[in-house]
Each structure stands twice: as C-alpha cells, then as structure tokens.
C-alpha cells in the first residue's frame, strides 16, 4: 500500500521502530557491547533505515520534488558530518584520513552505486530509463568540481608536506564548497526547479530545438487528458481513471507530514548513532581480517547511505528516475559541500594532521567515474549497459578498497 495514501503515520510500525532504535542507541552509546547486543543494535539499525525511507517518502509527497529528495539528502549528510567529527575527535591519529575516506566513499557509492541501481531498475522496467539531462548534468558538474577541489588538489599542493591543505587553502576550500552548495540548492529549488522534476516516460524522448521541455510537455499532456475526460461523456464530475503512481494520490496532511519529518530525523539519528555503536566491532573485524583501515570508512558510508539508496530504488520502480538521480547527486554534493566546511571548522580544536588528498588509484577511479557519468547523463536516457558500467565501477572501488 502506498505510504502517501495512509491516513496517518501514527498507526504504522514506522512510529515504533525509530523510537526503539533511538533507545538502543542511548543504552549502547560509549559501551563495549557483546556480540549478541551488537546483533540487536544492527537489527534496530536496519529497521531505522526502512522507517527513514517511509517517512522521507511521506514528506516528499507533501512538499513535492525536488524538495523531497533534498530533505533526505541534507538530513543524512548533516548527521553524517556529526558522526565524522565525533569519530575524529575520539579516534586519535589513526582517523586523520577518516573524512577523506568517508566522503570519497560517499561519492563513489552515490555516483556509481545509487545511480547504477536506479538506472538498472528503470531500464528493466521500461527498457530505457529517462531523466532530465539539464538538471542531472548540472548536479554532476557540481559533484565533479567539489570532488576535485576538495579531494584531488590537496595531493598536489606544496604549502604543506603530504596530501594536506594549509590553513588558508582549507579555509578557501571550505568557503568554495559551501558557496557552491548554496548556489546549487538555489538553482535546484527556485530558479530552475523544472530541470529537476521527474520526466514522464512518454514525454521524455528526444525533442527538436525550440520544442517544449519534458516537464512542460508532461504538464500540457496532463491538462489535455483532464479536458478530454471531462468532455467525453459519462456524467459531470467524472474523473479520469487514477494512475497507479502514488504521486496522483491525495497528499498527506500538514500534520502527518510534520510528524513524518520529526520521525525521519529520529530515524536518521538512530541510523548514524547505531552505526557508530557497532563501528568498534566493525573496526575490530577489519583489523583482525588484515584489511586496510579505509574499509571502515566504506562500511560506515554504506550504512549511512542505506536510506537514500532504498528511497532511490523505490523511486526508480515508479518511473521516477530523475528523483533517484536527485537523491544520488544531491547526497554527493551535500556530503562534500557540508563536510569540508565542518571539518575545516573542527580542525581548530582537533589535533593531528587532516589528510584530504586522494591516492593515485582513487584519483583514477574518480576521473573514470566523472567521464562515464557525463556520457551517461548527456543523452537524457540510459539502458542496462550504462547501469552495468556504473555498478562495475562501484565493484572495482569496493574490491580495491579491500585489496589495494
């Protein structure tokens, strides 16, 4: 049953699960947990992920796109930043590269994992996944710029030895990242909002110059259909058959949307907090297995991005691939655009080096991801091949993280 058509989220299991996960966080925070308790906290973590997706969809249905995907992306990223700063404050010198590892993992997971899964689902459903090239291209350009400024340049700067920024360079990167993020949000939500709206499958084909944009064509088609159904006979007030897509159902009330927004924040706090609670067990397992320490950042990023991944896949199943891409690229932009300024501010009291520059292997993967993503986005439509290429890039990143 559609989440948007429910009378109230108060009657749903998604009210109970975030609270239970938050209680588990309170009782497990800062404690050495036995294996049985770790498994219980991990179960609460999974439930909180599902609850977060539910409430994000309720809020998204109320406020509409692209604000709905923006709510989830920003909420997850803000809490992710808090988690990174907390771990860096408690972890000592071994966490010097944690911000870099987590942010780069988020970029690779979103730009290859979430994008690849979304295109795969969309292409399996309609043979061709259709989206808005203008909006997705702008988002991809923002991701590429932020990633290069924050993660590649530190490797080549000479003011400090190693892959580090000097204080002035870090301040510039922080201001540039935050400014670019703010410009992107203004374009996405105000000035060119139509570039980020879902494209109707029938209206998303290639069009000649001067023709209506996909969103305008979809609006005109909907208006024409409404007029035709009103004049086709069968009694006054008779509506056209309701589409299966839940976006045509009645939006939730303001009260329900506010409740879901609050529960979304609770669920996200529980997701990130429970992930931190199980992270010592993860770190111990990674160390005992002889894996690189960067694997910890990858695992944390996978856990934190789980709500967005599920929400993106569910959107793609409803022929809303643009919403999936909004989630993917919006999360990558927020991850860099908010993390770098926060880390720059936290470096005032954090001791030890702050390693931001990527190594050669990761720079090659980042460059390949940017090039492949551009080739995927430019046509405004993608097939199973593009989905497979992105998923193979993600698999290569994960494999090289384990076996560099």
Protein backbone atom coordinates (compact mmCIF):
# COMPACT_ATOMS: atom_id res chain seq x y z
CA UNK A 1 0.00 0.00 0.00
CA UNK A 2 1.28 3.46 -0.84
CA UNK A 3 2.78 5.38 2.02
CA UNK A 4 1.23 8.61 0.76
CA UNK A 5 -2.35 7.29 0.95
CA UNK A 6 -2.22 6.23 4.58
CA UNK A 7 -4.38 8.25 6.93
CA UNK A 8 -1.68 8.84 9.50
CA UNK A 9 1.84 7.61 10.20
CA UNK A 10 0.82 7.22 13.85
CA UNK A 11 -0.84 3.89 13.10
CA UNK A 12 2.21 2.50 11.32
CA UNK A 13 5.12 0.39 12.54
CA UNK A 14 7.37 3.21 11.39
CA UNK A 15 6.38 5.16 14.50
CA UNK A 16 7.69 2.49 16.86
CA UNK A 17 10.88 1.42 15.08
CA UNK A 18 12.71 4.81 15.15
CA UNK A 19 11.97 5.18 18.85
CA UNK A 20 13.18 1.66 19.61
CA UNK A 21 16.33 2.27 17.55
CA UNK A 22 16.93 5.53 19.41
CA UNK A 23 16.52 3.75 22.77
CA UNK A 24 19.02 1.13 21.61
CA UNK A 25 21.40 3.97 20.74
CA UNK A 26 21.05 5.53 24.20
CA UNK A 27 21.78 2.27 26.02
CA UNK A 28 24.65 1.25 23.72
CA UNK A 29 26.46 4.58 23.37
CA UNK A 30 30.03 4.50 24.68
CA UNK A 31 29.83 0.90 25.91
CA UNK A 32 31.68 -2.27 24.96
CA UNK A 33 28.95 -4.45 23.50
CA UNK A 34 28.90 -8.26 23.42
CA UNK A 35 28.21 -9.92 20.10
CA UNK A 36 24.54 -10.59 20.90
CA UNK A 37 23.86 -6.94 21.70
CA UNK A 38 25.73 -5.87 18.56
CA UNK A 39 23.42 -8.07 16.51
CA UNK A 40 20.39 -6.49 18.23
CA UNK A 41 21.66 -2.97 17.56
CA UNK A 42 22.32 -3.93 13.93
CA UNK A 43 18.72 -5.16 13.67
CA UNK A 44 17.49 -1.83 15.03
CA UNK A 45 19.73 -0.11 12.50
CA UNK A 46 18.09 -1.96 9.62
CA UNK A 47 14.62 -1.13 10.90
CA UNK A 48 15.53 2.54 11.27
CA UNK A 49 16.73 2.58 7.66
CA UNK A 50 13.37 1.28 6.42
CA UNK A 51 11.49 3.72 8.65
CA UNK A 52 13.58 6.63 7.36
CA UNK A 53 12.69 5.73 3.78
CA UNK A 54 8.98 5.59 4.64
CA UNK A 55 8.91 8.99 6.34
CA UNK A 56 11.07 10.59 3.65
CA UNK A 57 8.51 9.49 1.05
CA UNK A 58 5.66 10.94 3.11
CA UNK A 59 7.46 14.30 3.38
CA UNK A 60 8.44 14.19 -0.29
CA UNK A 61 4.84 13.59 -1.34
CA UNK A 62 3.71 16.56 0.71
CA UNK A 63 6.33 19.11 -0.40
CA UNK A 64 6.89 17.74 -3.94
CA UNK A 65 10.09 17.40 -5.91
CA UNK A 66 12.88 18.34 -5.73
CA UNK A 67 12.33 19.36 -2.11
CA UNK A 68 11.51 15.82 -1.01
CA UNK A 69 14.82 14.32 -2.09
CA UNK A 70 16.61 17.40 -0.75
CA UNK A 71 15.16 16.82 2.73
CA UNK A 72 16.55 13.29 2.93
CA UNK A 73 19.94 14.16 1.40
CA UNK A 74 20.59 17.11 3.71
CA UNK A 75 19.31 15.34 6.83
CA UNK A 76 21.53 12.32 6.27
CA UNK A 77 24.56 14.44 5.44
CA UNK A 78 24.25 16.71 8.47
CA UNK A 79 24.20 13.70 10.77
CA UNK A 80 26.99 12.04 8.79
CA UNK A 81 29.15 15.13 9.33
CA UNK A 82 28.46 14.97 13.06
CA UNK A 83 29.47 11.31 13.06
CA UNK A 84 32.75 12.03 11.23
CA UNK A 85 33.67 14.85 13.60
CA UNK A 86 32.83 12.69 16.63
CA UNK A 87 34.91 9.77 15.40
CA UNK A 88 37.84 12.05 14.53
CA UNK A 89 37.72 13.65 17.98
CA UNK A 90 37.76 10.25 19.70
CA UNK A 91 39.96 8.24 17.36
CA UNK A 92 43.33 9.96 17.53
CA UNK A 93 45.94 9.92 14.73
CA UNK A 94 44.52 6.85 13.00
CA UNK A 95 41.42 8.89 11.99
CA UNK A 96 43.44 11.55 10.13
CA UNK A 97 42.12 10.27 6.81
CA UNK A 98 38.61 9.35 8.01
CA UNK A 99 36.94 12.43 6.48
CA UNK A 100 38.60 11.79 3.12
CA UNK A 101 37.79 8.07 3.13
CA UNK A 102 34.15 8.60 4.11
CA UNK A 103 33.50 11.47 1.70
CA UNK A 104 35.14 9.66 -1.22
CA UNK A 105 33.22 6.50 -0.36
CA UNK A 106 30.01 8.55 -0.37
CA UNK A 107 30.87 9.97 -3.81
CA UNK A 108 31.59 6.55 -5.29
CA UNK A 109 28.54 4.92 -3.69
CA UNK A 110 26.16 7.67 -4.84
CA UNK A 111 27.56 8.31 -8.32
CA UNK A 112 28.04 4.65 -9.18
CA UNK A 113 26.03 2.58 -6.72
CA UNK A 114 22.81 4.56 -6.35
CA UNK A 115 22.91 5.81 -9.94
CA UNK A 116 23.69 2.32 -11.26
CA UNK A 117 20.92 0.62 -9.28
CA UNK A 118 18.40 3.30 -10.23
CA UNK A 119 19.23 3.04 -13.94
CA UNK A 120 19.12 -0.75 -13.69
CA UNK A 121 15.63 -0.72 -12.16
CA UNK A 122 14.41 1.93 -14.60
CA UNK A 123 15.82 0.12 -17.64
CA UNK A 124 14.42 -3.23 -16.55
CA UNK A 125 11.01 -1.65 -16.15
CA UNK A 126 10.86 0.40 -19.38
CA UNK A 127 13.86 -0.81 -21.42
CA UNK A 128 15.16 2.78 -21.33
CA UNK A 129 15.49 4.91 -18.18
CA UNK A 130 14.50 8.51 -18.94
CA UNK A 131 15.59 11.55 -16.94
CA UNK A 132 16.24 15.28 -17.30
CA UNK A 133 19.72 15.83 -18.74
CA UNK A 134 19.76 19.53 -17.84
CA UNK A 135 19.28 19.04 -14.11
CA UNK A 136 21.34 15.87 -13.80
CA UNK A 137 24.16 17.39 -15.83
CA UNK A 138 24.27 20.45 -13.59
CA UNK A 139 24.34 18.27 -10.50
CA UNK A 140 27.12 16.10 -11.93
CA UNK A 141 29.22 19.18 -12.78
CA UNK A 142 28.83 20.35 -9.19
CA UNK A 143 29.90 16.97 -7.82
CA UNK A 144 32.96 16.87 -10.09
CA UNK A 145 34.06 20.39 -9.15
CA UNK A 146 33.64 19.83 -5.42
CA UNK A 147 35.42 16.48 -5.55
CA UNK A 148 38.43 17.82 -7.45
CA UNK A 149 38.76 20.97 -5.32
CA UNK A 150 38.48 19.10 -2.02
CA UNK A 151 39.94 15.64 -2.66
CA UNK A 152 42.37 15.93 -5.59
CA UNK A 153 44.10 19.30 -5.18
CA UNK A 154 45.46 18.53 -1.67
CA UNK A 155 47.63 15.82 -3.24
CA UNK A 156 49.39 18.39 -5.45
CA UNK A 157 49.63 21.48 -3.26
CA UNK A 158 53.09 22.28 -1.90
CA UNK A 159 52.38 24.54 1.08
CA UNK A 160 52.40 21.52 3.43
CA UNK A 161 54.03 18.11 3.02
CA UNK A 162 51.72 15.22 2.30
CA UNK A 163 48.16 15.30 0.95
CA UNK A 164 47.13 18.21 3.19
CA UNK A 165 45.83 21.72 2.74
CA UNK A 166 47.43 24.64 4.53
CA UNK A 167 45.17 26.63 6.83
CA UNK A 168 44.46 29.24 4.14
CA UNK A 169 43.85 26.59 1.48
CA UNK A 170 41.48 24.67 3.76
CA UNK A 171 39.57 27.88 4.51
CA UNK A 172 39.26 28.61 0.77
CA UNK A 173 38.08 25.06 0.05
CA UNK A 174 35.51 25.33 2.84
CA UNK A 175 34.11 28.66 1.61
CA UNK A 176 34.10 27.50 -2.02
CA UNK A 177 32.36 24.23 -1.14
CA UNK A 178 29.69 25.91 0.96
CA UNK A 179 29.11 28.64 -1.63
CA UNK A 180 28.80 26.17 -4.49
CA UNK A 181 26.42 24.05 -2.46
CA UNK A 182 24.27 27.10 -1.74
CA UNK A 183 24.16 28.07 -5.42
CA UNK A 184 23.17 24.54 -6.39
CA UNK A 185 20.32 24.49 -3.85
CA UNK A 186 19.04 27.85 -5.13
CA UNK A 187 19.08 26.60 -8.73
CA UNK A 188 17.50 23.27 -7.84
CA UNK A 189 14.67 24.63 -5.72
CA UNK A 190 13.94 28.09 -7.15
CA UNK A 191 15.44 29.31 -10.40
CA UNK A 192 15.44 26.12 -12.48
CA UNK A 193 13.32 23.78 -10.44
CA UNK A 194 11.74 22.26 -13.56
CA UNK A 195 15.13 20.80 -14.55
CA UNK A 196 14.97 18.53 -11.50
CA UNK A 197 11.39 17.32 -11.79
CA UNK A 198 10.65 13.72 -12.82
CA UNK A 199 10.22 13.19 -16.55
CA UNK A 200 7.18 11.38 -17.85
CA UNK A 201 8.28 8.31 -19.81
CA UNK A 202 6.20 9.26 -22.83
CA UNK A 203 7.36 12.88 -22.78
CA UNK A 204 11.00 12.18 -22.15
CA UNK A 205 12.06 11.37 -25.72
CA UNK A 206 14.43 13.48 -27.73
CA UNK A 207 12.87 16.71 -28.97
CA UNK A 208 13.88 19.25 -31.61
CA UNK A 209 15.26 22.64 -30.71
CA UNK A 210 12.56 25.03 -29.57
CA UNK A 211 10.21 22.24 -28.56
CA UNK A 212 8.65 22.12 -25.14
CA UNK A 213 10.76 20.76 -22.31
CA UNK A 214 9.81 17.37 -20.85
CA UNK A 215 8.20 18.93 -17.80
CA UNK A 216 6.19 21.38 -19.95
CA UNK A 217 5.12 18.56 -22.26
CA UNK A 218 4.04 16.48 -19.30
CA UNK A 219 2.01 19.38 -17.89
CA UNK A 220 0.34 20.02 -21.25
CA UNK A 221 -0.42 16.33 -21.66
CA UNK A 222 -1.97 16.15 -18.21
CA UNK A 223 -4.14 19.21 -18.92
CA UNK A 224 -5.28 17.82 -22.26
CA UNK A 225 -6.14 14.49 -20.68
CA UNK A 226 -8.17 16.20 -17.98
CA UNK A 227 -10.14 18.21 -20.56
CA UNK A 228 -10.74 15.15 -22.69
CA UNK A 229 -12.00 13.09 -19.77
CA UNK A 230 -14.31 15.92 -18.66
CA UNK A 231 -15.93 16.25 -22.10
CA UNK A 232 -16.03 12.58 -23.12
CA UNK A 233 -19.41 11.89 -21.52
CA UNK A 234 -20.32 9.66 -18.65
CA UNK A 235 -21.68 12.30 -16.26
CA UNK A 236 -20.50 15.57 -14.83
CA UNK A 237 -17.72 15.43 -12.29
CA UNK A 238 -16.49 12.09 -13.51
CA UNK A 239 -12.69 11.92 -13.13
CA UNK A 240 -10.25 10.14 -15.37
CA UNK A 241 -9.03 6.77 -14.12
CA UNK A 242 -6.40 7.31 -11.45
CA UNK A 243 -2.89 6.31 -12.45
CA UNK A 244 -1.11 3.67 -10.45
CA UNK A 245 1.63 6.08 -9.43
CA UNK A 246 1.23 7.18 -5.89
CA UNK A 247 2.05 10.78 -6.76
CA UNK A 248 -1.52 11.13 -8.07
CA UNK A 249 -2.96 10.12 -4.69
CA UNK A 250 -4.03 12.77 -2.20
CA UNK A 251 -1.00 14.25 -0.42
CA UNK A 252 -0.74 13.71 3.33
CA UNK A 253 -1.95 16.45 5.63
CA UNK A 254 0.40 19.06 7.07
CA UNK A 255 0.15 17.37 10.47
CA UNK A 256 1.10 13.98 9.08
CA UNK A 257 3.97 15.49 7.10
CA UNK A 258 5.33 17.24 10.20
CA UNK A 259 5.07 14.03 12.21
CA UNK A 260 6.92 12.16 9.48
CA UNK A 261 9.57 14.88 9.33
CA UNK A 262 10.18 14.54 13.06
CA UNK A 263 10.28 10.75 12.87
CA UNK A 264 12.60 10.99 9.86
CA UNK A 265 15.09 12.96 11.93
CA UNK A 266 14.74 10.48 14.81
CA UNK A 267 15.30 7.56 12.44
CA UNK A 268 18.35 9.20 10.85
CA UNK A 269 19.88 9.96 14.24
CA UNK A 270 19.31 6.32 15.16
CA UNK A 271 20.84 5.10 11.88
CA UNK A 272 24.04 7.09 12.30
CA UNK A 273 24.25 6.58 16.06
CA UNK A 274 23.69 2.83 15.86
CA UNK A 275 26.26 2.69 13.06
CA UNK A 276 28.74 4.35 15.41
CA UNK A 277 27.77 1.93 18.19
CA UNK A 278 28.62 -1.08 16.01
CA UNK A 279 31.69 0.59 14.45
CA UNK A 280 34.13 -0.71 17.14
CA UNK A 281 33.05 -4.23 16.26
CA UNK A 282 33.48 -3.39 12.58
CA UNK A 283 36.93 -1.91 13.22
CA UNK A 284 37.97 -4.96 15.20
CA UNK A 285 36.74 -7.25 12.44
CA UNK A 286 38.54 -5.22 9.77
CA UNK A 287 41.76 -5.27 11.78
CA UNK A 288 41.57 -8.98 12.56
CA UNK A 289 40.97 -9.69 8.86
CA UNK A 290 44.07 -7.71 7.92
CA UNK A 291 42.12 -5.25 5.77
CA UNK A 292 43.11 -1.58 5.24
CA UNK A 293 41.72 0.91 7.74
CA UNK A 294 39.94 2.74 4.89
CA UNK A 295 37.46 -0.15 4.76
CA UNK A 296 35.92 1.20 7.98
CA UNK A 297 35.00 4.45 6.20
CA UNK A 298 33.49 2.47 3.32
CA UNK A 299 31.32 0.39 5.65
CA UNK A 300 30.15 3.46 7.57
CA UNK A 301 29.28 5.23 4.31
CA UNK A 302 27.32 2.19 3.13
CA UNK A 303 25.32 2.15 6.36
CA UNK A 304 24.66 5.89 6.42
CA UNK A 305 23.61 5.98 2.75
CA UNK A 306 21.28 3.00 3.05
CA UNK A 307 18.11 5.15 3.44
CA UNK A 308 18.90 7.15 0.31
CA UNK A 309 19.74 4.01 -1.64
CA UNK A 310 16.42 2.37 -0.80
CA UNK A 311 14.49 5.57 -1.50
CA UNK A 312 16.21 5.98 -4.88
CA UNK A 313 15.49 2.39 -5.93
CA UNK A 314 11.85 2.71 -4.93
CA UNK A 315 11.55 5.95 -6.90
CA UNK A 316 13.05 4.25 -9.97
CA UNK A 317 10.48 1.46 -9.66
CA UNK A 318 7.80 4.14 -10.04
CA UNK A 319 9.34 5.53 -13.24
CA UNK A 320 10.81 8.48 -11.37
CA UNK A 321 14.46 8.07 -12.30
CA UNK A 322 15.05 11.81 -12.04
CA UNK A 323 14.09 11.64 -8.36
CA UNK A 324 16.64 8.85 -7.93
CA UNK A 325 19.34 10.96 -9.58
CA UNK A 326 18.37 13.94 -7.40
CA UNK A 327 18.96 11.75 -4.37
CA UNK A 328 22.25 10.36 -5.67
CA UNK A 329 23.92 13.55 -6.85
CA UNK A 330 22.30 15.65 -4.13
CA UNK A 331 23.78 13.36 -1.48
CA UNK A 332 27.24 13.55 -3.07
CA UNK A 333 27.06 17.35 -3.26
CA UNK A 334 25.86 17.65 0.32
CA UNK A 335 28.47 15.19 1.54
CA UNK A 336 31.33 17.30 0.18
CA UNK A 337 29.72 20.72 0.45
CA UNK A 338 28.87 20.33 4.13
CA UNK A 339 31.64 18.01 5.34
CA UNK A 340 34.61 20.10 4.19
CA UNK A 341 33.41 23.32 5.91
CA UNK A 342 32.56 21.36 9.07
CA UNK A 343 35.96 19.66 9.12
CA UNK A 344 37.67 23.00 8.48
CA UNK A 345 35.87 24.44 11.48
CA UNK A 346 36.55 21.38 13.63
CA UNK A 347 40.26 21.47 12.74
CA UNK A 348 40.54 24.48 15.04
CA UNK A 349 40.36 22.18 18.06
CA UNK A 350 41.18 18.80 16.51
CA UNK A 351 44.82 17.82 16.92
CA UNK A 352 46.86 15.96 14.36
CA UNK A 353 47.01 16.09 10.54
CA UNK A 354 43.97 16.26 8.28
CA UNK A 355 44.63 14.15 5.19
CA UNK A 356 42.27 15.04 2.34
CA UNK A 357 44.21 14.21 -0.84
CA UNK A 358 43.42 11.01 -2.71
CA UNK A 359 46.00 8.46 -3.81
CA UNK A 360 46.66 7.55 -7.45
CA UNK A 361 44.23 4.61 -7.55
CA UNK A 362 41.35 6.63 -6.16
CA UNK A 363 42.08 9.57 -8.47
CA UNK A 364 41.89 7.25 -11.47
CA UNK A 365 38.56 5.86 -10.23
CA UNK A 366 37.23 9.37 -9.64
CA UNK A 367 38.26 10.54 -13.12
CA UNK A 368 36.72 7.46 -14.72
CA UNK A 369 33.52 7.97 -12.73
CA UNK A 370 33.22 11.59 -13.88
CA UNK A 371 33.80 10.72 -17.54
CA UNK A 372 31.40 7.76 -17.52
CA UNK A 373 28.76 9.75 -15.62
CA UNK A 374 28.95 12.56 -18.18
CA UNK A 375 28.46 10.10 -21.02
CA UNK A 376 25.51 8.60 -19.15
CA UNK A 377 23.79 11.90 -18.37
CA UNK A 378 24.19 13.82 -21.64
CA UNK A 379 21.64 11.82 -23.71
CA UNK A 380 18.93 12.08 -21.04
CA UNK A 381 18.23 8.35 -21.27
CA UNK A 382 20.13 5.21 -20.33
CA UNK A 383 19.97 1.47 -20.88
CA UNK A 384 21.12 -1.59 -18.98
CA UNK A 385 24.63 -1.06 -20.36
CA UNK A 386 25.11 2.27 -18.59
CA UNK A 387 23.72 0.78 -15.39
CA UNK A 388 26.14 -2.12 -15.65
CA UNK A 389 29.12 0.18 -16.24
CA UNK A 390 28.37 2.19 -13.09
CA UNK A 391 27.89 -0.92 -10.98
CA UNK A 392 31.17 -2.38 -12.26
CA UNK A 393 32.92 0.87 -11.26
CA UNK A 394 31.45 0.56 -7.77
CA UNK A 395 32.55 -3.08 -7.59
CA UNK A 396 36.07 -2.06 -8.66
CA UNK A 397 36.18 0.60 -5.93
CA UNK A 398 34.99 -1.82 -3.25
CA UNK A 399 37.41 -4.52 -4.37
CA UNK A 400 40.38 -2.12 -4.43
CA UNK A 401 39.40 -0.81 -1.00
CA UNK A 402 39.75 -4.34 0.33
CA UNK A 403 42.76 -5.25 -1.83
CA UNK A 404 44.58 -2.02 -2.79
